[in-house]
C-alpha atoms as a PDB file:
ATOM      1  CA  MET A   1     113.753  70.616 115.110  1.00  0.00           C
ATOM      2  CA  ALA A   2     113.460  69.869 111.775  1.00  0.00           C
ATOM      3  CA  LYS A   3     113.595  73.102 109.385  1.00  0.00           C
ATOM      4  CA  THR A   4     112.032  74.354 106.374  1.00  0.00           C
ATOM      5  CA  MET A   5     114.160  74.961 103.447  1.00  0.00           C
ATOM      6  CA  LYS A   6     115.646  78.814 103.415  1.00  0.00           C
ATOM      7  CA  ASN A   7     117.000  78.585  99.400  1.00  0.00           C
ATOM      8  CA  ASN A   8     113.795  78.664  97.936  1.00  0.00           C
ATOM      9  CA  PRO A   9     111.309  80.372  99.568  1.00  0.00           C
ATOM     10  CA  ALA A  10     107.694  79.901  99.185  1.00  0.00           C
ATOM     11  CA  PRO A  11     105.433  82.855  97.260  1.00  0.00           C
ATOM     12  CA  LEU A  12     102.849  82.150  99.536  1.00  0.00           C
ATOM     13  CA  ALA A  13     101.040  85.886  98.858  1.00  0.00           C
ATOM     14  CA  ASN A  14     101.195  84.956  95.120  1.00  0.00           C
ATOM     15  CA  VAL A  15     100.203  81.216  95.777  1.00  0.00           C
ATOM     16  CA  TYR A  16      97.231  81.934  97.134  1.00  0.00           C
ATOM     17  CA  THR A  17      96.122  84.540  94.737  1.00  0.00           C
ATOM     18  CA  GLU A  18      96.613  81.973  91.523  1.00  0.00           C
ATOM     19  CA  LEU A  19      94.387  79.859  93.634  1.00  0.00           C
ATOM     20  CA  TRP A  20      91.800  81.794  94.548  1.00  0.00           C
ATOM     21  CA  ARG A  21      91.799  83.456  91.134  1.00  0.00           C
ATOM     22  CA  THR A  22      91.312  79.096  89.793  1.00  0.00           C
ATOM     23  CA  TRP A  23      88.594  78.066  92.677  1.00  0.00           C
ATOM     24  CA  GLY A  24      87.546  80.981  94.088  1.00  0.00           C
ATOM     25  CA  PRO A  25      85.687  80.620  97.763  1.00  0.00           C
ATOM     26  CA  GLN A  26      85.667  77.374  99.216  1.00  0.00           C
ATOM     27  CA  HIS A  27      83.060  78.054 101.652  1.00  0.00           C
ATOM     28  CA  TRP A  28      84.753  76.111 105.337  1.00  0.00           C
ATOM     29  CA  TRP A  29      84.719  75.058 107.704  1.00  0.00           C
ATOM     30  CA  PRO A  30      81.031  73.213 107.140  1.00  0.00           C
ATOM     31  CA  GLY A  31      79.804  73.409 110.750  1.00  0.00           C
ATOM     32  CA  ARG A  32      75.936  74.681 112.046  1.00  0.00           C
ATOM     33  CA  THR A  33      77.569  75.516 115.637  1.00  0.00           C
ATOM     34  CA  ARG A  34      80.919  75.645 117.207  1.00  0.00           C
ATOM     35  CA  PHE A  35      80.587  72.539 118.804  1.00  0.00           C
ATOM     36  CA  GLU A  36      79.376  70.751 115.747  1.00  0.00           C
ATOM     37  CA  VAL A  37      82.992  71.928 114.440  1.00  0.00           C
ATOM     38  CA  ILE A  38      84.810  70.505 117.228  1.00  0.00           C
ATOM     39  CA  VAL A  39      83.444  67.152 116.796  1.00  0.00           C
ATOM     40  CA  GLY A  40      83.689  67.168 113.228  1.00  0.00           C
ATOM     41  CA  ALA A  41      87.473  67.805 113.657  1.00  0.00           C
ATOM     42  CA  ILE A  42      88.310  64.833 115.855  1.00  0.00           C
ATOM     43  CA  LEU A  43      85.668  62.968 113.425  1.00  0.00           C
ATOM     44  CA  THR A  44      87.599  63.960 110.220  1.00  0.00           C
ATOM     45  CA  GLN A  45      90.737  62.180 111.122  1.00  0.00           C
ATOM     46  CA  ASN A  46      91.672  59.298 108.812  1.00  0.00           C
ATOM     47  CA  THR A  47      88.345  59.305 106.972  1.00  0.00           C
ATOM     48  CA  ALA A  48      86.632  61.611 103.963  1.00  0.00           C
ATOM     49  CA  TRP A  49      84.668  64.336 105.013  1.00  0.00           C
ATOM     50  CA  SER A  50      81.354  63.086 103.577  1.00  0.00           C
ATOM     51  CA  ASN A  51      81.696  60.035 105.743  1.00  0.00           C
ATOM     52  CA  VAL A  52      82.185  62.964 108.501  1.00  0.00           C
ATOM     53  CA  GLU A  53      78.863  64.602 107.263  1.00  0.00           C
ATOM     54  CA  LYS A  54      76.724  61.099 107.680  1.00  0.00           C
ATOM     55  CA  ALA A  55      78.121  60.656 111.394  1.00  0.00           C
ATOM     56  CA  ILE A  56      77.175  64.574 112.143  1.00  0.00           C
ATOM     57  CA  ARG A  57      73.440  63.593 110.667  1.00  0.00           C
ATOM     58  CA  CYS A  58      72.882  60.889 112.624  1.00  0.00           C
ATOM     59  CA  LEU A  59      73.832  62.994 116.078  1.00  0.00           C
ATOM     60  CA  ARG A  60      72.040  65.988 114.862  1.00  0.00           C
ATOM     61  CA  ALA A  61      68.952  63.118 114.399  1.00  0.00           C
ATOM     62  CA  ALA A  62      69.607  61.808 117.778  1.00  0.00           C
ATOM     63  CA  ARG A  63      69.521  65.891 119.076  1.00  0.00           C
ATOM     64  CA  ALA A  64      73.043  64.915 120.812  1.00  0.00           C
ATOM     65  CA  LEU A  65      75.049  67.226 119.362  1.00  0.00           C
ATOM     66  CA  THR A  66      75.994  69.940 122.715  1.00  0.00           C
ATOM     67  CA  PRO A  67      78.313  69.376 125.275  1.00  0.00           C
ATOM     68  CA  ARG A  68      75.940  68.142 127.718  1.00  0.00           C
ATOM     69  CA  ARG A  69      73.790  65.799 125.501  1.00  0.00           C
ATOM     70  CA  LEU A  70      77.356  64.049 123.671  1.00  0.00           C
ATOM     71  CA  HIS A  71      78.713  64.399 127.377  1.00  0.00           C
ATOM     72  CA  ALA A  72      75.484  62.087 128.795  1.00  0.00           C
ATOM     73  CA  ALA A  73      74.890  59.611 126.457  1.00  0.00           C
ATOM     74  CA  PRO A  74      77.187  56.118 126.884  1.00  0.00           C
ATOM     75  CA  VAL A  75      80.082  55.821 124.977  1.00  0.00           C
ATOM     76  CA  ASP A  76      78.586  52.598 122.709  1.00  0.00           C
ATOM     77  CA  GLN A  77      76.044  54.533 122.026  1.00  0.00           C
ATOM     78  CA  VAL A  78      78.445  57.308 120.761  1.00  0.00           C
ATOM     79  CA  ALA A  79      80.242  54.863 118.751  1.00  0.00           C
ATOM     80  CA  GLU A  80      76.931  53.834 116.818  1.00  0.00           C
ATOM     81  CA  TRP A  81      76.124  57.340 115.993  1.00  0.00           C
ATOM     82  CA  ILE A  82      79.268  58.029 114.507  1.00  0.00           C
ATOM     83  CA  ARG A  83      79.470  54.637 112.534  1.00  0.00           C
ATOM     84  CA  PRO A  84      79.716  56.247 109.535  1.00  0.00           C
ATOM     85  CA  ALA A  85      83.153  58.244 110.381  1.00  0.00           C
ATOM     86  CA  GLY A  86      85.366  55.137 110.367  1.00  0.00           C
ATOM     87  CA  TYR A  87      87.172  54.186 113.773  1.00  0.00           C
ATOM     88  CA  PHE A  88      83.583  54.858 115.398  1.00  0.00           C
ATOM     89  CA  ASN A  89      84.718  53.113 118.923  1.00  0.00           C
ATOM     90  CA  VAL A  90      88.229  55.079 119.009  1.00  0.00           C
ATOM     91  CA  LYS A  91      86.706  58.146 117.842  1.00  0.00           C
ATOM     92  CA  ALA A  92      84.286  57.767 120.337  1.00  0.00           C
ATOM     93  CA  ARG A  93      86.350  57.634 123.114  1.00  0.00           C
ATOM     94  CA  ARG A  94      88.249  60.646 121.651  1.00  0.00           C
ATOM     95  CA  LEU A  95      84.834  62.655 121.769  1.00  0.00           C
ATOM     96  CA  ARG A  96      84.268  61.568 125.388  1.00  0.00           C
ATOM     97  CA  ALA A  97      87.694  62.685 126.277  1.00  0.00           C
ATOM     98  CA  PHE A  98      86.511  66.387 124.936  1.00  0.00           C
ATOM     99  CA  THR A  99      83.420  66.465 126.691  1.00  0.00           C
ATOM    100  CA  THR A 100      84.877  65.385 129.987  1.00  0.00           C
ATOM    101  CA  LEU A 101      87.650  67.948 129.388  1.00  0.00           C
ATOM    102  CA  LEU A 102      84.756  70.178 128.907  1.00  0.00           C
ATOM    103  CA  HIS A 103      82.515  69.597 132.000  1.00  0.00           C
ATOM    104  CA  THR A 104      85.332  68.404 134.317  1.00  0.00           C
ATOM    105  CA  GLN A 105      87.544  72.242 133.707  1.00  0.00           C
ATOM    106  CA  PHE A 106      85.469  74.533 132.169  1.00  0.00           C
ATOM    107  CA  ASN A 107      82.041  73.727 133.719  1.00  0.00           C
ATOM    108  CA  GLY A 108      80.557  71.830 130.264  1.00  0.00           C
ATOM    109  CA  GLN A 109      80.922  75.337 128.224  1.00  0.00           C
ATOM    110  CA  LEU A 110      82.592  76.474 125.092  1.00  0.00           C
ATOM    111  CA  THR A 111      82.663  80.102 126.298  1.00  0.00           C
ATOM    112  CA  ARG A 112      84.914  79.307 129.127  1.00  0.00           C
ATOM    113  CA  LEU A 113      87.467  77.414 127.147  1.00  0.00           C
ATOM    114  CA  PHE A 114      87.849  79.851 124.306  1.00  0.00           C
ATOM    115  CA  ALA A 115      88.152  82.701 126.878  1.00  0.00           C
ATOM    116  CA  LEU A 116      91.929  81.082 127.098  1.00  0.00           C
ATOM    117  CA  ASP A 117      94.477  82.690 125.612  1.00  0.00           C
ATOM    118  CA  THR A 118      95.979  81.031 122.418  1.00  0.00           C
ATOM    119  CA  PRO A 119      99.055  79.112 123.467  1.00  0.00           C
ATOM    120  CA  SER A 120      96.650  78.662 126.571  1.00  0.00           C
ATOM    121  CA  LEU A 121      93.787  76.862 124.673  1.00  0.00           C
ATOM    122  CA  ARG A 122      96.578  74.723 122.052  1.00  0.00           C
ATOM    123  CA  ARG A 123      97.696  73.294 124.892  1.00  0.00           C
ATOM    124  CA  VAL A 124      94.560  72.325 126.819  1.00  0.00           C
ATOM    125  CA  LEU A 125      93.297  71.014 123.596  1.00  0.00           C
ATOM    126  CA  LEU A 126      96.577  68.707 123.326  1.00  0.00           C
ATOM    127  CA  SER A 127      95.971  67.524 126.352  1.00  0.00           C
ATOM    128  CA  VAL A 128      93.052  65.489 125.311  1.00  0.00           C
ATOM    129  CA  ASN A 129      93.545  62.017 124.317  1.00  0.00           C
ATOM    130  CA  GLY A 130      93.286  61.173 120.337  1.00  0.00           C
ATOM    131  CA  ILE A 131      93.724  65.111 119.783  1.00  0.00           C
ATOM    132  CA  GLY A 132      97.016  65.995 117.568  1.00  0.00           C
ATOM    133  CA  PRO A 133      98.472  69.275 116.430  1.00  0.00           C
ATOM    134  CA  GLU A 134      96.163  69.380 112.939  1.00  0.00           C
ATOM    135  CA  THR A 135      92.409  68.666 115.013  1.00  0.00           C
ATOM    136  CA  ALA A 136      93.990  71.154 117.588  1.00  0.00           C
ATOM    137  CA  ASP A 137      94.659  73.896 115.355  1.00  0.00           C
ATOM    138  CA  SER A 138      91.214  73.158 113.099  1.00  0.00           C
ATOM    139  CA  ILE A 139      89.306  73.770 116.073  1.00  0.00           C
ATOM    140  CA  LEU A 140      91.459  76.817 116.887  1.00  0.00           C
ATOM    141  CA  LEU A 141      91.204  78.759 113.703  1.00  0.00           C
ATOM    142  CA  TYR A 142      87.311  77.050 112.487  1.00  0.00           C
ATOM    143  CA  ALA A 143      85.788  76.964 116.328  1.00  0.00           C
ATOM    144  CA  ALA A 144      87.545  79.394 118.357  1.00  0.00           C
ATOM    145  CA  LYS A 145      88.446  82.213 115.267  1.00  0.00           C
ATOM    146  CA  ARG A 146      91.810  82.262 116.222  1.00  0.00           C
ATOM    147  CA  PRO A 147      94.700  83.095 113.343  1.00  0.00           C
ATOM    148  CA  VAL A 148      96.681  79.779 113.418  1.00  0.00           C
ATOM    149  CA  PHE A 149      97.324  77.667 109.915  1.00  0.00           C
ATOM    150  CA  VAL A 150      96.249  74.295 109.687  1.00  0.00           C
ATOM    151  CA  VAL A 151      98.742  72.045 108.209  1.00  0.00           C
ATOM    152  CA  ASP A 152      97.940  68.578 106.867  1.00  0.00           C
ATOM    153  CA  ALA A 153      99.018  66.014 104.275  1.00  0.00           C
ATOM    154  CA  TYR A 154      97.999  67.957 101.363  1.00  0.00           C
ATOM    155  CA  THR A 155     100.130  71.100 102.904  1.00  0.00           C
ATOM    156  CA  ARG A 156     102.701  68.909 103.412  1.00  0.00           C
ATOM    157  CA  ARG A 157     102.817  67.132  99.707  1.00  0.00           C
ATOM    158  CA  ILE A 158     102.246  70.654  97.951  1.00  0.00           C
ATOM    159  CA  LEU A 159     105.199  72.696  99.794  1.00  0.00           C
ATOM    160  CA  ALA A 160     107.727  69.588 100.062  1.00  0.00           C
ATOM    161  CA  ARG A 161     107.120  69.217  95.990  1.00  0.00           C
ATOM    162  CA  HIS A 162     107.911  72.397  95.311  1.00  0.00           C
ATOM    163  CA  GLY A 163     110.794  73.050  97.437  1.00  0.00           C
ATOM    164  CA  TRP A 164     109.624  75.368  99.874  1.00  0.00           C
ATOM    165  CA  ILE A 165     109.615  72.812 103.101  1.00  0.00           C
ATOM    166  CA  ALA A 166     112.915  70.167 103.863  1.00  0.00           C
ATOM    167  CA  PRO A 167     111.518  66.639 103.303  1.00  0.00           C
ATOM    168  CA  ASP A 168     111.869  66.266 107.395  1.00  0.00           C
ATOM    169  CA  ALA A 169     110.070  69.267 108.776  1.00  0.00           C
ATOM    170  CA  ASP A 170     107.712  69.369 111.240  1.00  0.00           C
ATOM    171  CA  TYR A 171     104.107  70.618 111.881  1.00  0.00           C
ATOM    172  CA  ASP A 172     104.822  73.929 113.685  1.00  0.00           C
ATOM    173  CA  ALA A 173     108.044  74.915 111.158  1.00  0.00           C
ATOM    174  CA  ILE A 174     105.391  74.048 108.475  1.00  0.00           C
ATOM    175  CA  ALA A 175     102.716  76.142 110.397  1.00  0.00           C
ATOM    176  CA  GLN A 176     105.470  78.944 111.172  1.00  0.00           C
ATOM    177  CA  LEU A 177     106.313  79.293 107.337  1.00  0.00           C
ATOM    178  CA  PHE A 178     102.660  80.681 106.974  1.00  0.00           C
ATOM    179  CA  THR A 179     102.002  82.601 110.045  1.00  0.00           C
ATOM    180  CA  SER A 180     105.277  84.279 110.038  1.00  0.00           C
ATOM    181  CA  ARG A 181     104.836  85.601 106.354  1.00  0.00           C
ATOM    182  CA  LEU A 182     101.058  86.113 106.065  1.00  0.00           C
ATOM    183  CA  PRO A 183      99.021  88.766 108.183  1.00  0.00           C
ATOM    184  CA  ALA A 184      97.216  87.216 111.395  1.00  0.00           C
ATOM    185  CA  ASP A 185      93.812  86.989 109.698  1.00  0.00           C
ATOM    186  CA  VAL A 186      91.428  83.594 110.121  1.00  0.00           C
ATOM    187  CA  ALA A 187      89.389  84.562 107.084  1.00  0.00           C
ATOM    188  CA  LEU A 188      92.901  83.992 105.192  1.00  0.00           C
ATOM    189  CA  TYR A 189      94.307  81.289 106.712  1.00  0.00           C
ATOM    190  CA  ASN A 190      90.792  79.303 106.350  1.00  0.00           C
ATOM    191  CA  GLU A 191      90.820  80.141 102.579  1.00  0.00           C
ATOM    192  CA  TYR A 192      94.548  78.994 102.305  1.00  0.00           C
ATOM    193  CA  HIS A 193      94.109  76.076 103.791  1.00  0.00           C
ATOM    194  CA  ALA A 194      90.989  74.890 101.896  1.00  0.00           C
ATOM    195  CA  LEU A 195      92.042  76.231  98.934  1.00  0.00           C
ATOM    196  CA  LEU A 196      95.736  74.093  99.374  1.00  0.00           C
ATOM    197  CA  VAL A 197      93.084  70.651  99.778  1.00  0.00           C
ATOM    198  CA  GLN A 198      91.362  71.348  96.327  1.00  0.00           C
ATOM    199  CA  LEU A 199      94.821  71.564  94.859  1.00  0.00           C
ATOM    200  CA  GLY A 200      95.915  68.516  96.745  1.00  0.00           C
ATOM    201  CA  LYS A 201      92.725  66.444  95.633  1.00  0.00           C
ATOM    202  CA  THR A 202      92.963  67.878  92.384  1.00  0.00           C
ATOM    203  CA  TYR A 203      96.301  68.124  90.612  1.00  0.00           C
ATOM    204  CA  CYS A 204      98.796  67.454  93.622  1.00  0.00           C
ATOM    205  CA  ARG A 205      97.775  63.567  94.287  1.00  0.00           C
ATOM    206  CA  PRO A 206     100.149  61.111  94.941  1.00  0.00           C
ATOM    207  CA  LYS A 207     100.581  60.918  91.236  1.00  0.00           C
ATOM    208  CA  PRO A 208     100.438  64.690  90.522  1.00  0.00           C
ATOM    209  CA  ASP A 209      99.317  66.435  87.506  1.00  0.00           C
ATOM    210  CA  CYS A 210     101.913  68.865  87.009  1.00  0.00           C
ATOM    211  CA  ALA A 211     100.814  69.791  83.406  1.00  0.00           C
ATOM    212  CA  HIS A 212      97.338  71.247  84.602  1.00  0.00           C
ATOM    213  CA  CYS A 213      98.239  72.587  88.121  1.00  0.00           C
ATOM    214  CA  PRO A 214      97.716  76.530  88.529  1.00  0.00           C
ATOM    215  CA  LEU A 215     101.265  76.306  90.107  1.00  0.00           C
ATOM    216  CA  ARG A 216     102.711  74.659  87.448  1.00  0.00           C
ATOM    217  CA  HIS A 217     105.239  77.792  86.761  1.00  0.00           C
ATOM    218  CA  HIS A 218     106.347  77.000  90.437  1.00  0.00           C
ATOM    219  CA  THR A 219     106.889  73.461  89.849  1.00  0.00           C
ATOM    220  CA  PRO A 220     110.946  72.249  90.059  1.00  0.00           C
ATOM    221  CA  ILE A 221     112.209  70.671  87.064  1.00  0.00           C
ATOM    222  CA  ASN A 222     113.290  68.055  89.283  1.00  0.00           C
ATOM    223  CA  ASN A 223     110.203  66.737  91.202  1.00  0.00           C
ATOM    224  CA  GLY A 224     109.442  64.029  89.245  1.00  0.00           C
ATOM    225  CA  CYS A 225     106.255  65.791  87.088  1.00  0.00           C
END
């Protein structure tokens, strides 16, 4: 298993404070219900959130944003509703895989699914075709309100550029970097992840703007900035 770097520890509490001072609360995750958050987590794979919002509006207009109604709809109809999210045929099958699990194992009830302890719930989510660690942890954090840290491409890029993780650090090692050094707090993990996304979109882009980044004094000299 790949390891996080030990010789340059990430000042995670300070980083959070600096990002919070820069942008304040981000109000994540957008969703009216827990099921809508789950649908959004699946749809946001490989697409911008603005496209997911369009797909969510289509599902809402069709009154399909409940486990029962979405599961009852033909898969090709679901694909048409979520067309704005891209890869709509693939994502329709992933949504069906989730609702099938929910109906066959938990009587179609999120309360029964979310009654599982966190490790068990994560294993069940990862057993669904098309749900990987990032999507599973998004569901755990934002829908089930469990203190797990969501790692995405922005998080990996930011930490790697600052020398806080090894280039080959795996998903679970990066998540553990946060959960082992920060309080197990759902609100904190929610806000921290959202602030890292904001940093990645604004300054830590593929071509970084380190000169104006709120974390510029943490940037190693040899990182290319």
